[in-house]
Full PDB file with SEQRES, HELIX, SHEET, SSBOND, CRYST1, ORIGX, SCALE, CONECT and MASTER records, all heavy atoms in Angstrom:
SEQRES   1 A   30  ASP GLN GLN PRO VAL TYR PRO ALA ALA LEU ASP LEU PRO          
SEQRES   2 A   30  ASN LEU LEU VAL VAL THR SER ALA ASP ASP PHE ALA ARG          
SEQRES   3 A   30  PRO ALA GLU GLY                                              
CRYST1    1.000    1.000    1.000  90.00  90.00  90.00 P 1           1          
ORIGX1      1.000000  0.000000  0.000000        0.00000                         
ORIGX2      0.000000  1.000000  0.000000        0.00000                         
ORIGX3      0.000000  0.000000  1.000000        0.00000                         
SCALE1      1.000000  0.000000  0.000000        0.00000                         
SCALE2      0.000000  1.000000  0.000000        0.00000                         
SCALE3      0.000000  0.000000  1.000000        0.00000                         
ATOM      1  N   ASP A   1     114.840-103.603 128.304  1.00  0.00           N  
ATOM      2  CA  ASP A   1     114.914-102.623 127.263  1.00  0.00           C  
ATOM      3  C   ASP A   1     113.929-102.987 126.146  1.00  0.00           C  
ATOM      4  O   ASP A   1     113.387-102.038 125.477  1.00  0.00           O  
ATOM      5  CB  ASP A   1     116.302-102.565 126.734  1.00  0.00           C  
ATOM      6  CG  ASP A   1     117.280-101.851 127.730  1.00  0.00           C  
ATOM      7  OD1 ASP A   1     116.885-101.334 128.718  1.00  0.00           O  
ATOM      8  OD2 ASP A   1     118.426-101.840 127.461  1.00  0.00           O  
ATOM      9  N   GLN A   2     113.738-104.264 125.906  1.00  0.00           N  
ATOM     10  CA  GLN A   2     112.946-104.725 124.805  1.00  0.00           C  
ATOM     11  C   GLN A   2     111.556-105.017 125.232  1.00  0.00           C  
ATOM     12  O   GLN A   2     110.646-104.806 124.467  1.00  0.00           O  
ATOM     13  CB  GLN A   2     113.525-105.923 124.133  1.00  0.00           C  
ATOM     14  CG  GLN A   2     115.018-105.782 123.659  1.00  0.00           C  
ATOM     15  CD  GLN A   2     115.125-104.693 122.612  1.00  0.00           C  
ATOM     16  OE1 GLN A   2     114.266-104.635 121.706  1.00  0.00           O  
ATOM     17  NE2 GLN A   2     116.109-103.887 122.655  1.00  0.00           N  
ATOM     18  N   GLN A   3     111.437-105.664 126.439  1.00  0.00           N  
ATOM     19  CA  GLN A   3     110.098-105.983 126.999  1.00  0.00           C  
ATOM     20  C   GLN A   3     110.012-105.226 128.442  1.00  0.00           C  
ATOM     21  O   GLN A   3     110.502-105.850 129.463  1.00  0.00           O  
ATOM     22  CB  GLN A   3     109.987-107.432 127.197  1.00  0.00           C  
ATOM     23  CG  GLN A   3     109.905-108.173 125.880  1.00  0.00           C  
ATOM     24  CD  GLN A   3     109.783-109.791 126.060  1.00  0.00           C  
ATOM     25  OE1 GLN A   3     110.781-110.447 126.337  1.00  0.00           O  
ATOM     26  NE2 GLN A   3     108.588-110.162 125.968  1.00  0.00           N  
ATOM     27  N   PRO A   4     109.672-104.067 128.517  1.00  0.00           N  
ATOM     28  CA  PRO A   4     109.721-103.302 129.705  1.00  0.00           C  
ATOM     29  C   PRO A   4     109.023-103.838 130.934  1.00  0.00           C  
ATOM     30  O   PRO A   4     107.914-104.461 130.795  1.00  0.00           O  
ATOM     31  CB  PRO A   4     109.199-101.930 129.316  1.00  0.00           C  
ATOM     32  CG  PRO A   4     109.335-101.843 127.773  1.00  0.00           C  
ATOM     33  CD  PRO A   4     109.067-103.302 127.334  1.00  0.00           C  
ATOM     34  N   VAL A   5     109.544-103.597 132.012  1.00  0.00           N  
ATOM     35  CA  VAL A   5     108.954-103.851 133.382  1.00  0.00           C  
ATOM     36  C   VAL A   5     108.924-102.446 133.942  1.00  0.00           C  
ATOM     37  O   VAL A   5     109.938-101.750 133.915  1.00  0.00           O  
ATOM     38  CB  VAL A   5     109.727-104.873 134.234  1.00  0.00           C  
ATOM     39  CG1 VAL A   5     109.295-104.818 135.567  1.00  0.00           C  
ATOM     40  CG2 VAL A   5     109.498-106.211 133.654  1.00  0.00           C  
ATOM     41  N   TYR A   6     107.820-102.026 134.616  1.00  0.00           N  
ATOM     42  CA  TYR A   6     107.722-100.740 135.298  1.00  0.00           C  
ATOM     43  C   TYR A   6     107.635-100.877 136.814  1.00  0.00           C  
ATOM     44  O   TYR A   6     107.034-101.888 137.256  1.00  0.00           O  
ATOM     45  CB  TYR A   6     106.603-100.010 134.697  1.00  0.00           C  
ATOM     46  CG  TYR A   6     106.531 -99.754 133.226  1.00  0.00           C  
ATOM     47  CD1 TYR A   6     105.917-100.610 132.324  1.00  0.00           C  
ATOM     48  CD2 TYR A   6     107.492 -98.702 132.744  1.00  0.00           C  
ATOM     49  CE1 TYR A   6     106.138-100.416 130.988  1.00  0.00           C  
ATOM     50  CE2 TYR A   6     107.496 -98.519 131.434  1.00  0.00           C  
ATOM     51  CZ  TYR A   6     106.918 -99.349 130.474  1.00  0.00           C  
ATOM     52  OH  TYR A   6     107.007 -99.114 129.170  1.00  0.00           O  
ATOM     53  N   PRO A   7     108.203 -99.900 137.581  1.00  0.00           N  
ATOM     54  CA  PRO A   7     108.772 -98.741 137.180  1.00  0.00           C  
ATOM     55  C   PRO A   7     110.238 -98.746 136.634  1.00  0.00           C  
ATOM     56  O   PRO A   7     110.755 -97.720 136.377  1.00  0.00           O  
ATOM     57  CB  PRO A   7     108.748 -97.931 138.473  1.00  0.00           C  
ATOM     58  CG  PRO A   7     108.925 -98.962 139.524  1.00  0.00           C  
ATOM     59  CD  PRO A   7     108.205-100.108 139.060  1.00  0.00           C  
ATOM     60  N   ALA A   8     110.853 -99.841 136.566  1.00  0.00           N  
ATOM     61  CA  ALA A   8     112.295-100.010 136.320  1.00  0.00           C  
ATOM     62  C   ALA A   8     112.520 -99.342 134.964  1.00  0.00           C  
ATOM     63  O   ALA A   8     113.671 -98.773 134.736  1.00  0.00           O  
ATOM     64  CB  ALA A   8     112.706-101.477 136.351  1.00  0.00           C  
ATOM     65  N   ALA A   9     111.660 -99.436 133.963  1.00  0.00           N  
ATOM     66  CA  ALA A   9     111.999 -98.914 132.678  1.00  0.00           C  
ATOM     67  C   ALA A   9     111.709 -97.451 132.430  1.00  0.00           C  
ATOM     68  O   ALA A   9     111.984 -96.883 131.464  1.00  0.00           O  
ATOM     69  CB  ALA A   9     111.291 -99.733 131.625  1.00  0.00           C  
ATOM     70  N   LEU A  10     111.308 -96.741 133.530  1.00  0.00           N  
ATOM     71  CA  LEU A  10     110.935 -95.300 133.477  1.00  0.00           C  
ATOM     72  C   LEU A  10     112.331 -94.520 133.329  1.00  0.00           C  
ATOM     73  O   LEU A  10     113.369 -94.951 133.991  1.00  0.00           O  
ATOM     74  CB  LEU A  10     110.173 -94.869 134.617  1.00  0.00           C  
ATOM     75  CG  LEU A  10     108.723 -95.458 134.737  1.00  0.00           C  
ATOM     76  CD1 LEU A  10     108.172 -95.039 136.100  1.00  0.00           C  
ATOM     77  CD2 LEU A  10     107.840 -95.096 133.624  1.00  0.00           C  
ATOM     78  N   ASP A  11     112.285 -93.411 132.582  1.00  0.00           N  
ATOM     79  CA  ASP A  11     113.523 -92.587 132.485  1.00  0.00           C  
ATOM     80  C   ASP A  11     113.431 -91.538 133.349  1.00  0.00           C  
ATOM     81  O   ASP A  11     112.835 -90.415 133.094  1.00  0.00           O  
ATOM     82  CB  ASP A  11     113.600 -92.129 131.026  1.00  0.00           C  
ATOM     83  CG  ASP A  11     114.871 -91.347 130.772  1.00  0.00           C  
ATOM     84  OD1 ASP A  11     115.668 -91.431 131.596  1.00  0.00           O  
ATOM     85  OD2 ASP A  11     114.950 -90.653 129.671  1.00  0.00           O  
ATOM     86  N   LEU A  12     113.862 -91.768 134.636  1.00  0.00           N  
ATOM     87  CA  LEU A  12     113.966 -90.760 135.679  1.00  0.00           C  
ATOM     88  C   LEU A  12     115.300 -90.489 136.164  1.00  0.00           C  
ATOM     89  O   LEU A  12     115.959 -91.561 136.510  1.00  0.00           O  
ATOM     90  CB  LEU A  12     112.981 -91.162 136.820  1.00  0.00           C  
ATOM     91  CG  LEU A  12     111.421 -91.177 136.618  1.00  0.00           C  
ATOM     92  CD1 LEU A  12     110.788 -92.009 137.718  1.00  0.00           C  
ATOM     93  CD2 LEU A  12     110.964 -89.798 136.555  1.00  0.00           C  
ATOM     94  N   PRO A  13     115.810 -89.404 136.405  1.00  0.00           N  
ATOM     95  CA  PRO A  13     117.171 -89.156 136.891  1.00  0.00           C  
ATOM     96  C   PRO A  13     117.366 -89.555 138.293  1.00  0.00           C  
ATOM     97  O   PRO A  13     118.488 -89.745 138.659  1.00  0.00           O  
ATOM     98  CB  PRO A  13     117.357 -87.621 136.589  1.00  0.00           C  
ATOM     99  CG  PRO A  13     116.011 -86.998 136.647  1.00  0.00           C  
ATOM    100  CD  PRO A  13     115.046 -88.013 135.973  1.00  0.00           C  
ATOM    101  N   ASN A  14     116.238 -89.663 139.035  1.00  0.00           N  
ATOM    102  CA  ASN A  14     116.330 -89.927 140.405  1.00  0.00           C  
ATOM    103  C   ASN A  14     115.883 -91.453 140.734  1.00  0.00           C  
ATOM    104  O   ASN A  14     115.498 -91.828 141.782  1.00  0.00           O  
ATOM    105  CB  ASN A  14     115.682 -88.975 141.297  1.00  0.00           C  
ATOM    106  CG  ASN A  14     114.195 -88.796 140.933  1.00  0.00           C  
ATOM    107  OD1 ASN A  14     113.814 -88.991 139.827  1.00  0.00           O  
ATOM    108  ND2 ASN A  14     113.451 -88.370 141.936  1.00  0.00           N  
ATOM    109  N   LEU A  15     115.962 -92.236 139.655  1.00  0.00           N  
ATOM    110  CA  LEU A  15     115.530 -93.679 139.820  1.00  0.00           C  
ATOM    111  C   LEU A  15     116.771 -94.567 139.501  1.00  0.00           C  
ATOM    112  O   LEU A  15     117.518 -94.426 138.509  1.00  0.00           O  
ATOM    113  CB  LEU A  15     114.480 -94.050 138.704  1.00  0.00           C  
ATOM    114  CG  LEU A  15     114.129 -95.518 138.754  1.00  0.00           C  
ATOM    115  CD1 LEU A  15     113.293 -95.846 139.979  1.00  0.00           C  
ATOM    116  CD2 LEU A  15     113.185 -95.722 137.401  1.00  0.00           C  
ATOM    117  N   LEU A  16     117.103 -95.387 140.534  1.00  0.00           N  
ATOM    118  CA  LEU A  16     118.167 -96.362 140.379  1.00  0.00           C  
ATOM    119  C   LEU A  16     117.554 -97.716 140.381  1.00  0.00           C  
ATOM    120  O   LEU A  16     116.742 -98.138 141.073  1.00  0.00           O  
ATOM    121  CB  LEU A  16     119.145 -96.260 141.597  1.00  0.00           C  
ATOM    122  CG  LEU A  16     120.383 -97.069 141.612  1.00  0.00           C  
ATOM    123  CD1 LEU A  16     121.335 -96.398 140.674  1.00  0.00           C  
ATOM    124  CD2 LEU A  16     120.974 -96.975 142.984  1.00  0.00           C  
ATOM    125  N   VAL A  17     117.949 -98.509 139.231  1.00  0.00           N  
ATOM    126  CA  VAL A  17     117.418 -99.855 138.961  1.00  0.00           C  
ATOM    127  C   VAL A  17     118.438-100.869 139.147  1.00  0.00           C  
ATOM    128  O   VAL A  17     119.547-100.704 138.737  1.00  0.00           O  
ATOM    129  CB  VAL A  17     116.823 -99.939 137.625  1.00  0.00           C  
ATOM    130  CG1 VAL A  17     116.179-101.213 137.352  1.00  0.00           C  
ATOM    131  CG2 VAL A  17     115.789 -98.840 137.425  1.00  0.00           C  
ATOM    132  N   VAL A  18     118.070-101.831 140.003  1.00  0.00           N  
ATOM    133  CA  VAL A  18     119.102-102.932 140.314  1.00  0.00           C  
ATOM    134  C   VAL A  18     118.543-104.308 140.001  1.00  0.00           C  
ATOM    135  O   VAL A  18     117.323-104.610 140.087  1.00  0.00           O  
ATOM    136  CB  VAL A  18     119.445-102.822 141.837  1.00  0.00           C  
ATOM    137  CG1 VAL A  18     120.243-101.530 142.059  1.00  0.00           C  
ATOM    138  CG2 VAL A  18     118.348-103.008 142.693  1.00  0.00           C  
ATOM    139  N   THR A  19     119.389-105.251 139.621  1.00  0.00           N  
ATOM    140  CA  THR A  19     119.066-106.662 139.689  1.00  0.00           C  
ATOM    141  C   THR A  19     119.996-107.489 140.425  1.00  0.00           C  
ATOM    142  O   THR A  19     120.915-106.953 141.023  1.00  0.00           O  
ATOM    143  CB  THR A  19     119.119-107.070 138.086  1.00  0.00           C  
ATOM    144  OG1 THR A  19     118.369-108.347 137.961  1.00  0.00           O  
ATOM    145  CG2 THR A  19     120.474-107.124 137.525  1.00  0.00           C  
ATOM    146  N   SER A  20     119.755-108.807 140.361  1.00  0.00           N  
ATOM    147  CA  SER A  20     120.626-109.622 141.217  1.00  0.00           C  
ATOM    148  C   SER A  20     121.789-110.363 140.585  1.00  0.00           C  
ATOM    149  O   SER A  20     121.641-110.753 139.409  1.00  0.00           O  
ATOM    150  CB  SER A  20     119.639-110.773 141.858  1.00  0.00           C  
ATOM    151  OG  SER A  20     120.396-111.690 142.685  1.00  0.00           O  
ATOM    152  N   ALA A  21     122.937-110.500 141.334  1.00  0.00           N  
ATOM    153  CA  ALA A  21     124.138-111.082 140.719  1.00  0.00           C  
ATOM    154  C   ALA A  21     124.323-112.368 141.478  1.00  0.00           C  
ATOM    155  O   ALA A  21     124.082-112.478 142.669  1.00  0.00           O  
ATOM    156  CB  ALA A  21     125.292-110.108 140.877  1.00  0.00           C  
ATOM    157  N   ASP A  22     124.902-113.393 140.822  1.00  0.00           N  
ATOM    158  CA  ASP A  22     125.126-114.709 141.410  1.00  0.00           C  
ATOM    159  C   ASP A  22     126.615-114.708 141.906  1.00  0.00           C  
ATOM    160  O   ASP A  22     127.339-113.751 141.875  1.00  0.00           O  
ATOM    161  CB  ASP A  22     124.998-115.789 140.375  1.00  0.00           C  
ATOM    162  CG  ASP A  22     125.903-115.706 139.153  1.00  0.00           C  
ATOM    163  OD1 ASP A  22     126.866-115.016 139.142  1.00  0.00           O  
ATOM    164  OD2 ASP A  22     125.619-116.561 138.178  1.00  0.00           O  
ATOM    165  N   ASP A  23     127.045-115.882 142.341  1.00  0.00           N  
ATOM    166  CA  ASP A  23     128.413-116.002 143.037  1.00  0.00           C  
ATOM    167  C   ASP A  23     129.541-115.738 141.899  1.00  0.00           C  
ATOM    168  O   ASP A  23     130.590-115.622 142.358  1.00  0.00           O  
ATOM    169  CB  ASP A  23     128.595-117.364 143.647  1.00  0.00           C  
ATOM    170  CG  ASP A  23     127.725-117.580 144.906  1.00  0.00           C  
ATOM    171  OD1 ASP A  23     127.383-116.425 145.399  1.00  0.00           O  
ATOM    172  OD2 ASP A  23     127.455-118.611 145.225  1.00  0.00           O  
ATOM    173  N   PHE A  24     129.232-115.858 140.680  1.00  0.00           N  
ATOM    174  CA  PHE A  24     130.162-115.626 139.654  1.00  0.00           C  
ATOM    175  C   PHE A  24     130.199-114.196 139.150  1.00  0.00           C  
ATOM    176  O   PHE A  24     130.878-113.850 138.136  1.00  0.00           O  
ATOM    177  CB  PHE A  24     129.897-116.567 138.488  1.00  0.00           C  
ATOM    178  CG  PHE A  24     130.332-118.029 138.703  1.00  0.00           C  
ATOM    179  CD1 PHE A  24     129.344-118.840 139.321  1.00  0.00           C  
ATOM    180  CD2 PHE A  24     131.445-118.489 138.377  1.00  0.00           C  
ATOM    181  CE1 PHE A  24     129.602-120.174 139.666  1.00  0.00           C  
ATOM    182  CE2 PHE A  24     131.747-119.839 138.618  1.00  0.00           C  
ATOM    183  CZ  PHE A  24     130.878-120.719 139.228  1.00  0.00           C  
ATOM    184  N   ALA A  25     129.543-113.345 139.879  1.00  0.00           N  
ATOM    185  CA  ALA A  25     129.591-111.848 139.588  1.00  0.00           C  
ATOM    186  C   ALA A  25     128.918-111.667 138.157  1.00  0.00           C  
ATOM    187  O   ALA A  25     129.246-110.824 137.452  1.00  0.00           O  
ATOM    188  CB  ALA A  25     130.935-111.241 139.541  1.00  0.00           C  
ATOM    189  N   ARG A  26     127.927-112.450 137.883  1.00  0.00           N  
ATOM    190  CA  ARG A  26     127.075-112.470 136.588  1.00  0.00           C  
ATOM    191  C   ARG A  26     125.597-112.107 136.964  1.00  0.00           C  
ATOM    192  O   ARG A  26     125.069-112.457 138.123  1.00  0.00           O  
ATOM    193  CB  ARG A  26     127.153-113.644 135.902  1.00  0.00           C  
ATOM    194  CG  ARG A  26     128.501-114.166 135.452  1.00  0.00           C  
ATOM    195  CD  ARG A  26     128.562-115.538 134.898  1.00  0.00           C  
ATOM    196  NE  ARG A  26     127.834-116.514 135.700  1.00  0.00           N  
ATOM    197  CZ  ARG A  26     127.981-117.773 135.625  1.00  0.00           C  
ATOM    198  NH1 ARG A  26     128.731-118.307 134.643  1.00  0.00           N  
ATOM    199  NH2 ARG A  26     127.244-118.630 136.450  1.00  0.00           N  
ATOM    200  N   PRO A  27     124.781-111.504 136.075  1.00  0.00           N  
ATOM    201  CA  PRO A  27     123.361-111.485 136.385  1.00  0.00           C  
ATOM    202  C   PRO A  27     122.909-112.942 136.734  1.00  0.00           C  
ATOM    203  O   PRO A  27     123.109-113.950 135.914  1.00  0.00           O  
ATOM    204  CB  PRO A  27     122.809-111.039 135.017  1.00  0.00           C  
ATOM    205  CG  PRO A  27     123.892-110.235 134.427  1.00  0.00           C  
ATOM    206  CD  PRO A  27     125.131-110.872 134.797  1.00  0.00           C  
ATOM    207  N   ALA A  28     122.137-113.027 137.668  1.00  0.00           N  
ATOM    208  CA  ALA A  28     121.719-114.373 138.230  1.00  0.00           C  
ATOM    209  C   ALA A  28     120.654-114.994 137.252  1.00  0.00           C  
ATOM    210  O   ALA A  28     119.973-114.212 136.571  1.00  0.00           O  
ATOM    211  CB  ALA A  28     121.064-114.193 139.623  1.00  0.00           C  
ATOM    212  N   GLU A  29     120.536-116.294 137.347  1.00  0.00           N  
ATOM    213  CA  GLU A  29     119.631-116.880 136.424  1.00  0.00           C  
ATOM    214  C   GLU A  29     118.162-116.501 136.740  1.00  0.00           C  
ATOM    215  O   GLU A  29     117.811-116.376 137.957  1.00  0.00           O  
ATOM    216  CB  GLU A  29     119.784-118.470 136.678  1.00  0.00           C  
ATOM    217  CG  GLU A  29     118.851-119.229 135.763  1.00  0.00           C  
ATOM    218  CD  GLU A  29     119.039-120.758 135.883  1.00  0.00           C  
ATOM    219  OE1 GLU A  29     119.796-121.169 136.845  1.00  0.00           O  
ATOM    220  OE2 GLU A  29     118.262-121.512 135.351  1.00  0.00           O  
ATOM    221  N   GLY A  30     117.496-116.141 135.775  1.00  0.00           N  
ATOM    222  CA  GLY A  30     116.132-115.746 135.822  1.00  0.00           C  
ATOM    223  C   GLY A  30     115.760-114.361 136.160  1.00  0.00           C  
ATOM    224  O   GLY A  30     114.542-113.916 136.181  1.00  0.00           O  
TER     225      GLY A  30                                                      
MASTER        0    0    0    0    0    0    0    6  224    1    0    3          
END                                                                             
């Protein structure tokens, strides 16, 4: 949100953006 990466930061209604979760159900390191 602060330092965008594209296409993930584009505002599109048909765009789904995902990241990785670790074994603790948290955003993974890095």
